[in-house]
Amino acid sequence: MARPRAPLLSREKIVGTALTLIDDEGLAALTTRRLAGLLGVSGPSLYNHFATMDDLVEAVADEVIGQVDLEGLAESDLPWHETMRRWARSYRDALAQHPNLVPIAVHGPGRRRSALRMADAVYGATVRAGWPPREATEIGALMRFFVAGAALGSFAGGFSEDPALYSEEYPHLSRAHLLASRSRDIDDAAFELGLDSLLAGLAARRGAAGSAGPLDSAGPLDSAGG
């Protein structure tokens, strides 16, 4: 019998199928048996590519982080707040497409190459803007906390559309039944408000410290198309 021209399995195919399964049914659904069935192979064949299921999950998480746009962080001619704004938006967009994976994807870079590249780019851009190394590290953590929270799920979409639920017991939520139908706009606006406030607060902190560097000469913060 002639050998197939291409292998039945590849790391890319396994990762892509695993990501789809996680997106559709959650992390708990990712088992060797289930994944092998979707790929049409035997379970042990998966371990020719990944030593453990944890290794596979790490690779899936890194695939998602690899979708984040890092180009702006390397552009020294852009104001720091603008590079961070662009990166944060892209980071949120990548995570929001895969909310079931967010707890894994944001749990530190470990040995994941895409995650390490992102950490390196964010830290480098922040130090280049004049922040001390320790504060640059803290800002990276702060941004990760903020973006991860925004990507976990919809705030507005979590409210019931039944107006009777809020009529008496929750008088300040008399219009909360309208939130779900406007969830995308509300969630996006809340993210932009938080991002503006966070970056403005950081700029004020630098100003209060009496620093004069690239960050301070970047000009006033603006929404930059937000």
C-alpha atoms as a PDB file:
ATOM      1  CA  MET A   1       0.000   0.000   0.000  1.00  0.00           C
ATOM      2  CA  ALA A   2       1.354   3.405  -0.956  1.00  0.00           C
ATOM      3  CA  ARG A   3       2.242   5.729   1.898  1.00  0.00           C
ATOM      4  CA  PRO A   4       0.133   8.891   2.188  1.00  0.00           C
ATOM      5  CA  ARG A   5       1.726  11.972   0.705  1.00  0.00           C
ATOM      6  CA  ALA A   6       1.195  13.958   3.892  1.00  0.00           C
ATOM      7  CA  PRO A   7       1.010  12.824   7.524  1.00  0.00           C
ATOM      8  CA  LEU A   8      -2.460  12.412   8.955  1.00  0.00           C
ATOM      9  CA  LEU A   9      -1.534  14.577  11.892  1.00  0.00           C
ATOM     10  CA  SER A  10       0.479  17.713  12.486  1.00  0.00           C
ATOM     11  CA  ARG A  11       0.922  19.931  15.504  1.00  0.00           C
ATOM     12  CA  GLU A  12      -0.976  22.673  13.710  1.00  0.00           C
ATOM     13  CA  LYS A  13      -3.955  20.434  12.978  1.00  0.00           C
ATOM     14  CA  ILE A  14      -4.089  19.126  16.536  1.00  0.00           C
ATOM     15  CA  VAL A  15      -3.877  22.636  17.995  1.00  0.00           C
ATOM     16  CA  GLY A  16      -6.554  23.986  15.662  1.00  0.00           C
ATOM     17  CA  THR A  17      -8.967  21.150  16.426  1.00  0.00           C
ATOM     18  CA  ALA A  18      -8.327  21.439  20.159  1.00  0.00           C
ATOM     19  CA  LEU A  19      -8.974  25.192  20.053  1.00  0.00           C
ATOM     20  CA  THR A  20     -12.282  24.687  18.252  1.00  0.00           C
ATOM     21  CA  LEU A  21     -13.325  22.090  20.820  1.00  0.00           C
ATOM     22  CA  ILE A  22     -12.428  24.386  23.710  1.00  0.00           C
ATOM     23  CA  ASP A  23     -14.287  27.282  22.090  1.00  0.00           C
ATOM     24  CA  ASP A  24     -17.398  25.179  21.550  1.00  0.00           C
ATOM     25  CA  GLU A  25     -17.544  23.175  24.750  1.00  0.00           C
ATOM     26  CA  GLY A  26     -14.970  24.454  27.237  1.00  0.00           C
ATOM     27  CA  LEU A  27     -11.676  23.165  28.594  1.00  0.00           C
ATOM     28  CA  ALA A  28     -13.295  20.220  30.359  1.00  0.00           C
ATOM     29  CA  ALA A  29     -14.314  18.784  26.983  1.00  0.00           C
ATOM     30  CA  LEU A  30     -10.698  18.494  25.848  1.00  0.00           C
ATOM     31  CA  THR A  31      -9.773  14.870  26.468  1.00  0.00           C
ATOM     32  CA  THR A  32      -7.492  12.535  24.555  1.00  0.00           C
ATOM     33  CA  ARG A  33     -10.405  10.349  23.529  1.00  0.00           C
ATOM     34  CA  ARG A  34     -12.585  13.216  22.363  1.00  0.00           C
ATOM     35  CA  LEU A  35      -9.826  14.964  20.449  1.00  0.00           C
ATOM     36  CA  ALA A  36      -8.615  11.772  18.802  1.00  0.00           C
ATOM     37  CA  GLY A  37     -12.169  11.044  17.703  1.00  0.00           C
ATOM     38  CA  LEU A  38     -12.526  14.448  16.083  1.00  0.00           C
ATOM     39  CA  LEU A  39      -9.228  13.971  14.280  1.00  0.00           C
ATOM     40  CA  GLY A  40     -10.058  10.415  13.231  1.00  0.00           C
ATOM     41  CA  VAL A  41      -6.963   8.895  14.829  1.00  0.00           C
ATOM     42  CA  SER A  42      -6.108   6.741  17.808  1.00  0.00           C
ATOM     43  CA  GLY A  43      -5.435   8.434  21.115  1.00  0.00           C
ATOM     44  CA  PRO A  44      -1.770   7.361  21.452  1.00  0.00           C
ATOM     45  CA  SER A  45      -0.922   8.987  18.116  1.00  0.00           C
ATOM     46  CA  LEU A  46      -1.497  12.396  19.686  1.00  0.00           C
ATOM     47  CA  TYR A  47       1.450  11.814  21.998  1.00  0.00           C
ATOM     48  CA  ASN A  48       3.801  11.671  19.045  1.00  0.00           C
ATOM     49  CA  HIS A  49       3.293  15.430  18.898  1.00  0.00           C
ATOM     50  CA  PHE A  50       2.524  16.408  22.514  1.00  0.00           C
ATOM     51  CA  ALA A  51       3.923  14.585  25.535  1.00  0.00           C
ATOM     52  CA  THR A  52       0.953  15.469  27.747  1.00  0.00           C
ATOM     53  CA  MET A  53      -2.434  17.099  27.459  1.00  0.00           C
ATOM     54  CA  ASP A  54      -1.063  20.014  29.490  1.00  0.00           C
ATOM     55  CA  ASP A  55       1.565  20.561  26.786  1.00  0.00           C
ATOM     56  CA  LEU A  56      -1.200  20.683  24.200  1.00  0.00           C
ATOM     57  CA  VAL A  57      -3.227  23.215  26.191  1.00  0.00           C
ATOM     58  CA  GLU A  58      -0.125  25.386  26.504  1.00  0.00           C
ATOM     59  CA  ALA A  59       0.360  25.217  22.731  1.00  0.00           C
ATOM     60  CA  VAL A  60      -3.287  26.161  22.141  1.00  0.00           C
ATOM     61  CA  ALA A  61      -2.964  29.116  24.510  1.00  0.00           C
ATOM     62  CA  ASP A  62       0.193  30.241  22.745  1.00  0.00           C
ATOM     63  CA  GLU A  63      -1.582  30.029  19.406  1.00  0.00           C
ATOM     64  CA  VAL A  64      -4.148  32.528  20.672  1.00  0.00           C
ATOM     65  CA  ILE A  65      -1.503  34.899  22.058  1.00  0.00           C
ATOM     66  CA  GLY A  66       0.278  34.672  18.723  1.00  0.00           C
ATOM     67  CA  GLN A  67      -2.704  36.483  17.173  1.00  0.00           C
ATOM     68  CA  VAL A  68      -1.979  39.660  19.178  1.00  0.00           C
ATOM     69  CA  ASP A  69      -0.541  42.526  17.138  1.00  0.00           C
ATOM     70  CA  LEU A  70       2.845  43.548  18.565  1.00  0.00           C
ATOM     71  CA  GLU A  71       4.079  45.697  15.683  1.00  0.00           C
ATOM     72  CA  GLY A  72       3.195  49.020  17.267  1.00  0.00           C
ATOM     73  CA  LEU A  73       5.234  48.236  20.372  1.00  0.00           C
ATOM     74  CA  ALA A  74       8.394  48.243  18.281  1.00  0.00           C
ATOM     75  CA  GLU A  75       7.699  51.641  16.683  1.00  0.00           C
ATOM     76  CA  SER A  76       9.722  54.129  18.695  1.00  0.00           C
ATOM     77  CA  ASP A  77       8.250  57.102  16.820  1.00  0.00           C
ATOM     78  CA  LEU A  78       4.784  56.508  18.303  1.00  0.00           C
ATOM     79  CA  PRO A  79       3.805  57.916  21.710  1.00  0.00           C
ATOM     80  CA  TRP A  80       3.921  55.271  24.418  1.00  0.00           C
ATOM     81  CA  HIS A  81       0.257  55.595  25.326  1.00  0.00           C
ATOM     82  CA  GLU A  82      -0.700  55.015  21.699  1.00  0.00           C
ATOM     83  CA  THR A  83       1.403  51.874  21.357  1.00  0.00           C
ATOM     84  CA  MET A  84      -0.096  50.517  24.564  1.00  0.00           C
ATOM     85  CA  ARG A  85      -3.611  51.382  23.423  1.00  0.00           C
ATOM     86  CA  ARG A  86      -3.203  49.530  20.133  1.00  0.00           C
ATOM     87  CA  TRP A  87      -1.662  46.521  21.814  1.00  0.00           C
ATOM     88  CA  ALA A  88      -4.329  46.358  24.533  1.00  0.00           C
ATOM     89  CA  ARG A  89      -7.116  46.459  21.957  1.00  0.00           C
ATOM     90  CA  SER A  90      -5.536  43.666  19.935  1.00  0.00           C
ATOM     91  CA  TYR A  91      -4.862  41.630  23.079  1.00  0.00           C
ATOM     92  CA  ARG A  92      -8.474  41.942  24.184  1.00  0.00           C
ATOM     93  CA  ASP A  93      -9.783  41.066  20.727  1.00  0.00           C
ATOM     94  CA  ALA A  94      -7.652  37.912  20.574  1.00  0.00           C
ATOM     95  CA  LEU A  95      -8.735  36.741  24.023  1.00  0.00           C
ATOM     96  CA  ALA A  96     -12.397  37.680  23.581  1.00  0.00           C
ATOM     97  CA  GLN A  97     -12.666  35.332  20.613  1.00  0.00           C
ATOM     98  CA  HIS A  98     -11.710  32.446  22.903  1.00  0.00           C
ATOM     99  CA  PRO A  99     -13.159  33.233  26.360  1.00  0.00           C
ATOM    100  CA  ASN A 100     -12.957  29.603  27.539  1.00  0.00           C
ATOM    101  CA  LEU A 101      -9.189  29.791  27.168  1.00  0.00           C
ATOM    102  CA  VAL A 102      -8.637  33.123  28.925  1.00  0.00           C
ATOM    103  CA  PRO A 103      -7.718  31.649  32.355  1.00  0.00           C
ATOM    104  CA  ILE A 104      -4.930  29.631  30.715  1.00  0.00           C
ATOM    105  CA  ALA A 105      -3.788  32.203  28.174  1.00  0.00           C
ATOM    106  CA  VAL A 106      -3.183  34.916  30.782  1.00  0.00           C
ATOM    107  CA  HIS A 107      -1.510  32.694  33.368  1.00  0.00           C
ATOM    108  CA  GLY A 108       2.021  33.937  32.803  1.00  0.00           C
ATOM    109  CA  PRO A 109       4.141  33.134  29.753  1.00  0.00           C
ATOM    110  CA  GLY A 110       5.959  30.087  31.130  1.00  0.00           C
ATOM    111  CA  ARG A 111       7.864  28.671  28.160  1.00  0.00           C
ATOM    112  CA  ARG A 112       5.337  29.752  25.540  1.00  0.00           C
ATOM    113  CA  ARG A 113       7.180  31.501  22.741  1.00  0.00           C
ATOM    114  CA  SER A 114       4.399  33.854  21.608  1.00  0.00           C
ATOM    115  CA  ALA A 115       3.655  34.839  25.191  1.00  0.00           C
ATOM    116  CA  LEU A 116       7.337  35.499  25.873  1.00  0.00           C
ATOM    117  CA  ARG A 117       7.608  37.621  22.722  1.00  0.00           C
ATOM    118  CA  MET A 118       4.634  39.657  23.877  1.00  0.00           C
ATOM    119  CA  ALA A 119       6.039  40.125  27.385  1.00  0.00           C
ATOM    120  CA  ASP A 120       9.373  41.169  25.923  1.00  0.00           C
ATOM    121  CA  ALA A 121       7.745  43.671  23.548  1.00  0.00           C
ATOM    122  CA  VAL A 122       5.542  45.267  26.227  1.00  0.00           C
ATOM    123  CA  TYR A 123       8.383  45.535  28.734  1.00  0.00           C
ATOM    124  CA  GLY A 124      10.776  46.880  26.114  1.00  0.00           C
ATOM    125  CA  ALA A 125       8.346  49.543  24.930  1.00  0.00           C
ATOM    126  CA  THR A 126       7.621  50.620  28.502  1.00  0.00           C
ATOM    127  CA  VAL A 127      11.273  50.908  29.540  1.00  0.00           C
ATOM    128  CA  ARG A 128      12.022  52.735  26.300  1.00  0.00           C
ATOM    129  CA  ALA A 129       9.317  55.249  27.219  1.00  0.00           C
ATOM    130  CA  GLY A 130      11.202  56.134  30.382  1.00  0.00           C
ATOM    131  CA  TRP A 131       9.651  53.917  33.029  1.00  0.00           C
ATOM    132  CA  PRO A 132      11.978  52.340  35.623  1.00  0.00           C
ATOM    133  CA  PRO A 133      12.337  48.567  35.176  1.00  0.00           C
ATOM    134  CA  ARG A 134      10.320  47.659  38.271  1.00  0.00           C
ATOM    135  CA  GLU A 135       7.402  49.891  37.301  1.00  0.00           C
ATOM    136  CA  ALA A 136       7.579  48.600  33.737  1.00  0.00           C
ATOM    137  CA  THR A 137       7.081  45.090  35.101  1.00  0.00           C
ATOM    138  CA  GLU A 138       4.162  46.231  37.258  1.00  0.00           C
ATOM    139  CA  ILE A 139       2.553  48.014  34.310  1.00  0.00           C
ATOM    140  CA  GLY A 140       2.780  44.842  32.239  1.00  0.00           C
ATOM    141  CA  ALA A 141       0.997  42.939  35.010  1.00  0.00           C
ATOM    142  CA  LEU A 142      -1.592  45.692  35.414  1.00  0.00           C
ATOM    143  CA  MET A 143      -2.414  45.713  31.715  1.00  0.00           C
ATOM    144  CA  ARG A 144      -2.740  41.932  31.695  1.00  0.00           C
ATOM    145  CA  PHE A 145      -5.171  42.044  34.650  1.00  0.00           C
ATOM    146  CA  PHE A 146      -7.269  44.716  32.951  1.00  0.00           C
ATOM    147  CA  VAL A 147      -7.388  43.119  29.508  1.00  0.00           C
ATOM    148  CA  ALA A 148      -8.047  39.624  30.860  1.00  0.00           C
ATOM    149  CA  GLY A 149     -10.996  40.865  32.900  1.00  0.00           C
ATOM    150  CA  ALA A 150     -12.445  42.632  29.884  1.00  0.00           C
ATOM    151  CA  ALA A 151     -12.119  39.491  27.756  1.00  0.00           C
ATOM    152  CA  LEU A 152     -13.644  36.975  30.174  1.00  0.00           C
ATOM    153  CA  GLY A 153     -17.199  37.683  29.108  1.00  0.00           C
ATOM    154  CA  SER A 154     -19.861  40.291  28.602  1.00  0.00           C
ATOM    155  CA  PHE A 155     -20.884  42.413  31.574  1.00  0.00           C
ATOM    156  CA  ALA A 156     -23.960  43.858  29.909  1.00  0.00           C
ATOM    157  CA  GLY A 157     -24.925  40.538  28.359  1.00  0.00           C
ATOM    158  CA  GLY A 158     -25.196  38.999  31.811  1.00  0.00           C
ATOM    159  CA  PHE A 159     -28.401  40.846  32.664  1.00  0.00           C
ATOM    160  CA  SER A 160     -31.833  39.313  32.133  1.00  0.00           C
ATOM    161  CA  GLU A 161     -34.076  40.890  29.513  1.00  0.00           C
ATOM    162  CA  ASP A 162     -37.117  40.414  31.763  1.00  0.00           C
ATOM    163  CA  PRO A 163     -38.137  43.888  33.051  1.00  0.00           C
ATOM    164  CA  ALA A 164     -40.274  42.360  35.805  1.00  0.00           C
ATOM    165  CA  LEU A 165     -37.160  41.019  37.506  1.00  0.00           C
ATOM    166  CA  TYR A 166     -35.974  44.516  38.402  1.00  0.00           C
ATOM    167  CA  SER A 167     -39.276  46.275  39.089  1.00  0.00           C
ATOM    168  CA  GLU A 168     -39.403  46.393  42.894  1.00  0.00           C
ATOM    169  CA  GLU A 169     -36.519  44.667  44.626  1.00  0.00           C
ATOM    170  CA  TYR A 170     -33.848  46.413  42.547  1.00  0.00           C
ATOM    171  CA  PRO A 171     -35.145  49.962  41.973  1.00  0.00           C
ATOM    172  CA  HIS A 172     -31.870  51.307  40.603  1.00  0.00           C
ATOM    173  CA  LEU A 173     -31.867  48.668  37.861  1.00  0.00           C
ATOM    174  CA  SER A 174     -35.174  49.656  36.287  1.00  0.00           C
ATOM    175  CA  ARG A 175     -33.540  49.802  32.843  1.00  0.00           C
ATOM    176  CA  ALA A 176     -31.181  46.870  33.273  1.00  0.00           C
ATOM    177  CA  HIS A 177     -33.346  44.694  31.017  1.00  0.00           C
ATOM    178  CA  LEU A 178     -32.120  46.803  28.085  1.00  0.00           C
ATOM    179  CA  LEU A 179     -28.455  46.025  28.658  1.00  0.00           C
ATOM    180  CA  ALA A 180     -28.304  42.599  27.048  1.00  0.00           C
ATOM    181  CA  SER A 181     -29.515  43.846  23.678  1.00  0.00           C
ATOM    182  CA  ARG A 182     -26.792  46.503  23.694  1.00  0.00           C
ATOM    183  CA  SER A 183     -24.063  44.386  25.213  1.00  0.00           C
ATOM    184  CA  ARG A 184     -21.457  44.816  22.472  1.00  0.00           C
ATOM    185  CA  ASP A 185     -21.625  48.619  22.480  1.00  0.00           C
ATOM    186  CA  ILE A 186     -21.666  48.834  26.261  1.00  0.00           C
ATOM    187  CA  ASP A 187     -18.810  46.391  26.755  1.00  0.00           C
ATOM    188  CA  ASP A 188     -16.690  48.110  24.092  1.00  0.00           C
ATOM    189  CA  ALA A 189     -17.366  51.548  25.571  1.00  0.00           C
ATOM    190  CA  ALA A 190     -16.539  50.308  29.070  1.00  0.00           C
ATOM    191  CA  PHE A 191     -13.253  48.857  27.856  1.00  0.00           C
ATOM    192  CA  GLU A 192     -12.286  52.116  26.139  1.00  0.00           C
ATOM    193  CA  LEU A 193     -13.236  54.126  29.233  1.00  0.00           C
ATOM    194  CA  GLY A 194     -11.148  51.880  31.424  1.00  0.00           C
ATOM    195  CA  LEU A 195      -8.211  51.963  29.027  1.00  0.00           C
ATOM    196  CA  ASP A 196      -8.324  55.757  28.782  1.00  0.00           C
ATOM    197  CA  SER A 197      -8.517  56.073  32.569  1.00  0.00           C
ATOM    198  CA  LEU A 198      -5.706  53.608  33.138  1.00  0.00           C
ATOM    199  CA  LEU A 199      -3.326  55.275  30.676  1.00  0.00           C
ATOM    200  CA  ALA A 200      -4.215  58.760  31.912  1.00  0.00           C
ATOM    201  CA  GLY A 201      -3.557  57.644  35.486  1.00  0.00           C
ATOM    202  CA  LEU A 202      -0.171  56.256  34.530  1.00  0.00           C
ATOM    203  CA  ALA A 203       0.727  59.477  32.719  1.00  0.00           C
ATOM    204  CA  ALA A 204      -0.275  61.485  35.805  1.00  0.00           C
ATOM    205  CA  ARG A 205       1.842  59.227  37.985  1.00  0.00           C
ATOM    206  CA  ARG A 206       4.869  59.893  35.825  1.00  0.00           C
ATOM    207  CA  GLY A 207       4.210  63.609  35.902  1.00  0.00           C
ATOM    208  CA  ALA A 208       3.880  63.616  39.687  1.00  0.00           C
ATOM    209  CA  ALA A 209       7.211  61.840  39.945  1.00  0.00           C
ATOM    210  CA  GLY A 210       8.854  64.732  38.108  1.00  0.00           C
ATOM    211  CA  SER A 211      10.099  62.575  35.252  1.00  0.00           C
ATOM    212  CA  ALA A 212      11.022  64.111  31.930  1.00  0.00           C
ATOM    213  CA  GLY A 213      11.321  61.509  29.248  1.00  0.00           C
ATOM    214  CA  PRO A 214       9.732  60.150  26.105  1.00  0.00           C
ATOM    215  CA  LEU A 215       6.442  59.486  27.872  1.00  0.00           C
ATOM    216  CA  ASP A 216       6.052  63.094  29.016  1.00  0.00           C
ATOM    217  CA  SER A 217       6.844  64.559  25.627  1.00  0.00           C
ATOM    218  CA  ALA A 218       4.263  62.404  23.848  1.00  0.00           C
ATOM    219  CA  GLY A 219       1.469  64.944  24.190  1.00  0.00           C
ATOM    220  CA  PRO A 220      -2.000  64.646  25.771  1.00  0.00           C
ATOM    221  CA  LEU A 221      -3.836  61.364  25.845  1.00  0.00           C
ATOM    222  CA  ASP A 222      -6.691  60.952  23.426  1.00  0.00           C
ATOM    223  CA  SER A 223      -8.979  58.165  22.342  1.00  0.00           C
ATOM    224  CA  ALA A 224      -7.122  57.720  19.036  1.00  0.00           C
ATOM    225  CA  GLY A 225     -10.134  56.653  17.100  1.00  0.00           C
ATOM    226  CA  GLY A 226     -11.810  54.869  19.982  1.00  0.00           C
END
